[in-house]
Amino acid sequence: MSIREAEEELFAALKAVNPDTVEDGIVDEAEYLSAKIKIVYLMKEVNGGSAWSLREFLREEAGCATAWNPIARWTEGILSLEEEKDWNEYWMREEETRREKMLKKIGVVNLKKTSGGGSSDRKVIYEAAKENRNFLQHQLELYKPQIIICCGTAQIFADIFLPGKEWKCTSRGIWYYVWGGTAIIEFYHPGAHVLHCLLHYGLLDAVREIQKTEGLWRQ
């Protein structure tokens, strides 16, 4: 059974309980499976709408610039860790083309499977994640990511999936946990009010160190 077929089964069961469910997951199965490193971004919730597919939106329309340009840049950087690119090679350069190419190589999983508003309520996200625990575990087991980047979701993920586990810290202060060969990285939401270049190189720097320290996913 393909990932897409398994996803359809999972979400059909969830939508039978809540028809407003927004489907997420692997944007393009072939591109994801052929990527040098399999990356899943763990988000909180989508902003608006009901009963639609985030993965279809990202595959067919490449998402919106504000939220997804950073994700596309991060993905490009992680998939070319061996290269040292200056910021001017990323910033404001062919952003739409990058989104069209890079977003097909990732998975996106929301802790809460229905939409929210402009800002997230942590308590609501937490309760939804607890309720969806088994579903989320099935998703992650299906995708077998090598990296999970927690975009403002690490604490909730840790509380629900890794209670009492001791996380490690990179030399520059990024927390992570290796879970059965998968590096789970605590990081910011792509819309965080931090300079894009600081987020970008902060994440790449952490990924490089984790790769070297833990001996994971050699390219």
Protein backbone atom coordinates (compact mmCIF):
# COMPACT_ATOMS: atom_id res chain seq x y z
CA MET A 1 0.00 0.00 0.00
CA SER A 2 1.33 3.44 -0.92
CA ILE A 3 1.63 6.31 1.52
CA ARG A 4 -1.21 8.12 -0.23
CA GLU A 5 -3.50 5.11 0.00
CA ALA A 6 -2.70 4.68 3.69
CA GLU A 7 -3.31 8.40 4.28
CA GLU A 8 -6.69 8.17 2.59
CA GLU A 9 -7.70 5.34 4.91
CA LEU A 10 -6.52 7.22 8.00
CA PHE A 11 -8.29 10.43 7.11
CA ALA A 12 -11.48 8.69 6.01
CA ALA A 13 -11.78 7.29 9.54
CA LEU A 14 -11.06 10.69 11.09
CA LYS A 15 -13.52 12.51 8.82
CA ALA A 16 -16.22 10.03 9.75
CA VAL A 17 -15.92 11.40 13.29
CA ASN A 18 -15.32 15.04 12.32
CA PRO A 19 -16.26 16.08 8.75
CA ASP A 20 -14.43 19.40 9.22
CA THR A 21 -11.05 17.61 9.28
CA VAL A 22 -8.31 19.25 7.21
CA GLU A 23 -6.07 16.64 5.60
CA ASP A 24 -2.31 17.04 5.89
CA GLY A 25 0.67 14.78 5.30
CA ILE A 26 3.06 14.08 2.45
CA VAL A 27 2.77 16.68 -0.28
CA ASP A 28 4.10 14.51 -3.12
CA GLU A 29 4.92 10.89 -2.32
CA ALA A 30 7.48 10.31 -5.10
CA GLU A 31 9.36 13.54 -4.33
CA TYR A 32 9.35 12.86 -0.59
CA LEU A 33 10.64 9.31 -0.95
CA SER A 34 13.41 10.40 -3.33
CA ALA A 35 14.61 13.30 -1.16
CA LYS A 36 18.11 13.02 0.35
CA ILE A 37 16.63 13.55 3.80
CA LYS A 38 12.99 12.92 4.64
CA ILE A 39 11.69 15.97 6.49
CA VAL A 40 8.36 16.44 8.26
CA TYR A 41 7.33 19.80 9.69
CA LEU A 42 5.15 19.50 12.79
CA MET A 43 2.77 22.45 12.96
CA LYS A 44 -0.13 23.46 15.20
CA GLU A 45 -3.14 23.94 12.91
CA VAL A 46 -4.20 25.51 9.63
CA ASN A 47 -5.65 28.99 9.58
CA GLY A 48 -9.20 28.94 8.24
CA GLY A 49 -11.54 26.73 6.27
CA SER A 50 -12.84 23.24 6.85
CA ALA A 51 -12.80 19.90 5.04
CA TRP A 52 -9.97 20.72 2.66
CA SER A 53 -6.56 19.24 1.91
CA LEU A 54 -3.39 21.05 2.93
CA ARG A 55 -1.23 18.62 0.99
CA GLU A 56 -3.21 19.27 -2.21
CA PHE A 57 -2.96 23.03 -1.64
CA LEU A 58 0.81 22.82 -1.25
CA ARG A 59 1.25 20.51 -4.22
CA GLU A 60 -1.05 22.33 -6.64
CA GLU A 61 -0.70 25.95 -5.51
CA ALA A 62 2.64 25.93 -3.64
CA GLY A 63 1.11 27.52 -0.56
CA CYS A 64 1.19 31.21 0.31
CA ALA A 65 4.40 33.20 0.47
CA THR A 66 4.24 34.41 4.07
CA ALA A 67 3.99 31.00 5.69
CA TRP A 68 5.71 28.80 3.16
CA ASN A 69 8.66 30.76 1.76
CA PRO A 70 10.66 30.10 4.96
CA ILE A 71 9.76 26.39 4.91
CA ALA A 72 10.89 26.13 1.28
CA ARG A 73 14.18 27.88 2.10
CA TRP A 74 14.79 25.69 5.15
CA THR A 75 14.11 22.58 3.09
CA GLU A 76 16.45 23.65 0.31
CA GLY A 77 19.17 24.35 2.84
CA ILE A 78 18.78 21.03 4.66
CA LEU A 79 18.80 19.09 1.41
CA SER A 80 22.06 20.78 0.41
CA LEU A 81 23.88 20.87 3.74
CA GLU A 82 27.21 20.31 2.04
CA GLU A 83 26.89 23.70 0.33
CA GLU A 84 27.54 27.06 1.99
CA LYS A 85 25.11 29.49 0.39
CA ASP A 86 25.10 33.21 1.09
CA TRP A 87 21.80 34.72 2.20
CA ASN A 88 21.49 36.65 -1.06
CA GLU A 89 21.14 33.30 -2.82
CA TYR A 90 17.94 32.69 -0.84
CA TRP A 91 16.34 36.01 -0.04
CA MET A 92 13.75 37.21 -2.56
CA ARG A 93 15.11 34.96 -5.30
CA GLU A 94 12.62 32.89 -7.28
CA GLU A 95 10.53 32.32 -4.16
CA GLU A 96 7.51 30.90 -5.97
CA THR A 97 9.67 28.54 -8.03
CA ARG A 98 11.40 27.39 -4.84
CA ARG A 99 8.06 26.72 -3.15
CA GLU A 100 6.81 24.76 -6.15
CA LYS A 101 9.91 22.57 -6.06
CA MET A 102 10.76 22.23 -2.37
CA LEU A 103 7.34 21.85 -0.78
CA LYS A 104 6.78 18.68 -2.81
CA LYS A 105 9.70 17.10 -0.96
CA ILE A 106 8.26 17.41 2.55
CA GLY A 107 5.52 16.27 4.86
CA VAL A 108 3.45 18.61 7.01
CA VAL A 109 1.60 17.30 10.06
CA ASN A 110 -0.70 19.45 12.20
CA LEU A 111 -1.31 18.51 15.82
CA LYS A 112 -4.87 19.80 15.51
CA LYS A 113 -6.72 18.49 12.46
CA THR A 114 -9.30 21.26 12.23
CA SER A 115 -8.65 24.88 11.42
CA GLY A 116 -8.08 27.69 13.87
CA GLY A 117 -7.68 31.43 13.62
CA GLY A 118 -4.92 33.96 13.25
CA SER A 119 -3.37 32.93 16.56
CA SER A 120 -3.37 29.51 18.21
CA ASP A 121 -4.68 28.65 21.67
CA ARG A 122 -2.07 26.38 23.24
CA LYS A 123 -4.58 24.64 25.49
CA VAL A 124 -6.85 23.84 22.54
CA ILE A 125 -3.89 22.57 20.50
CA TYR A 126 -2.72 20.44 23.41
CA GLU A 127 -6.11 18.84 23.97
CA ALA A 128 -6.49 18.16 20.25
CA ALA A 129 -3.04 16.58 20.11
CA LYS A 130 -3.86 14.36 23.08
CA GLU A 131 -7.09 13.30 21.43
CA ASN A 132 -5.27 12.66 18.13
CA ARG A 133 -2.30 10.90 19.71
CA ASN A 134 -2.84 7.52 18.08
CA PHE A 135 -3.63 9.10 14.73
CA LEU A 136 -0.50 11.26 14.87
CA GLN A 137 1.63 8.27 15.79
CA HIS A 138 0.23 6.30 12.85
CA GLN A 139 1.03 9.21 10.55
CA LEU A 140 4.64 9.55 11.70
CA GLU A 141 5.20 5.80 11.57
CA LEU A 142 3.84 5.79 8.02
CA TYR A 143 6.11 8.63 6.86
CA LYS A 144 9.28 7.39 8.58
CA PRO A 145 10.87 10.87 8.62
CA GLN A 146 14.55 11.32 9.35
CA ILE A 147 13.95 14.81 10.72
CA ILE A 148 10.88 16.24 12.42
CA ILE A 149 11.08 20.01 12.77
CA CYS A 150 8.73 21.17 15.51
CA CYS A 151 7.52 24.62 14.50
CA GLY A 152 6.52 25.88 17.94
CA THR A 153 5.15 22.44 18.82
CA ALA A 154 8.05 20.71 20.59
CA GLN A 155 6.75 21.09 24.14
CA ILE A 156 3.34 19.63 23.30
CA PHE A 157 4.96 16.81 21.31
CA ALA A 158 7.33 16.04 24.18
CA ASP A 159 4.54 16.05 26.77
CA ILE A 160 2.39 13.65 24.77
CA PHE A 161 4.90 11.38 23.07
CA LEU A 162 8.08 11.65 25.14
CA PRO A 163 7.11 12.36 28.76
CA GLY A 164 10.09 12.40 31.07
CA LYS A 165 12.63 11.99 28.28
CA GLU A 166 15.80 14.07 28.45
CA TRP A 167 16.45 16.14 25.36
CA LYS A 168 19.90 17.16 24.19
CA CYS A 169 21.06 20.64 23.28
CA THR A 170 23.34 21.71 20.45
CA SER A 171 26.32 23.91 21.21
CA ARG A 172 24.29 26.92 20.11
CA GLY A 173 21.18 26.20 22.12
CA ILE A 174 18.79 24.22 19.89
CA TRP A 175 17.08 21.36 21.73
CA TYR A 176 16.55 18.01 20.06
CA TYR A 177 15.74 14.39 20.78
CA VAL A 178 16.64 11.30 18.75
CA TRP A 179 13.59 9.05 18.62
CA GLY A 180 14.26 5.70 16.99
CA GLY A 181 16.66 7.20 14.47
CA THR A 182 14.57 10.34 13.86
CA ALA A 183 15.92 13.70 14.97
CA ILE A 184 13.15 15.78 16.53
CA ILE A 185 14.21 19.43 16.57
CA GLU A 186 12.63 22.17 18.65
CA PHE A 187 12.34 25.25 16.48
CA TYR A 188 10.24 28.31 15.70
CA HIS A 189 7.13 28.73 13.62
CA PRO A 190 8.10 30.04 10.16
CA GLY A 191 6.08 33.19 10.87
CA ALA A 192 7.96 34.00 14.07
CA HIS A 193 9.03 37.62 14.48
CA VAL A 194 12.70 36.84 14.02
CA LEU A 195 14.94 37.84 11.15
CA HIS A 196 14.56 35.24 8.41
CA CYS A 197 18.30 34.87 8.00
CA LEU A 198 18.76 34.11 11.71
CA LEU A 199 16.08 31.43 11.62
CA HIS A 200 17.45 29.94 8.43
CA TYR A 201 21.08 29.61 9.44
CA GLY A 202 20.18 28.76 13.03
CA LEU A 203 18.26 25.73 11.82
CA LEU A 204 20.87 24.64 9.28
CA ASP A 205 23.62 25.01 11.86
CA ALA A 206 21.68 22.80 14.28
CA VAL A 207 20.96 20.15 11.65
CA ARG A 208 24.63 19.97 10.71
CA GLU A 209 25.69 19.55 14.32
CA ILE A 210 23.04 16.90 15.04
CA GLN A 211 24.04 15.02 11.91
CA LYS A 212 27.69 15.03 12.96
CA THR A 213 27.08 14.31 16.66
CA GLU A 214 24.50 11.57 16.21
CA GLY A 215 25.73 10.09 12.92
CA LEU A 216 22.30 10.33 11.32
CA TRP A 217 21.05 10.44 7.71
CA ARG A 218 24.35 10.79 5.93
CA GLN A 219 23.83 12.30 2.51
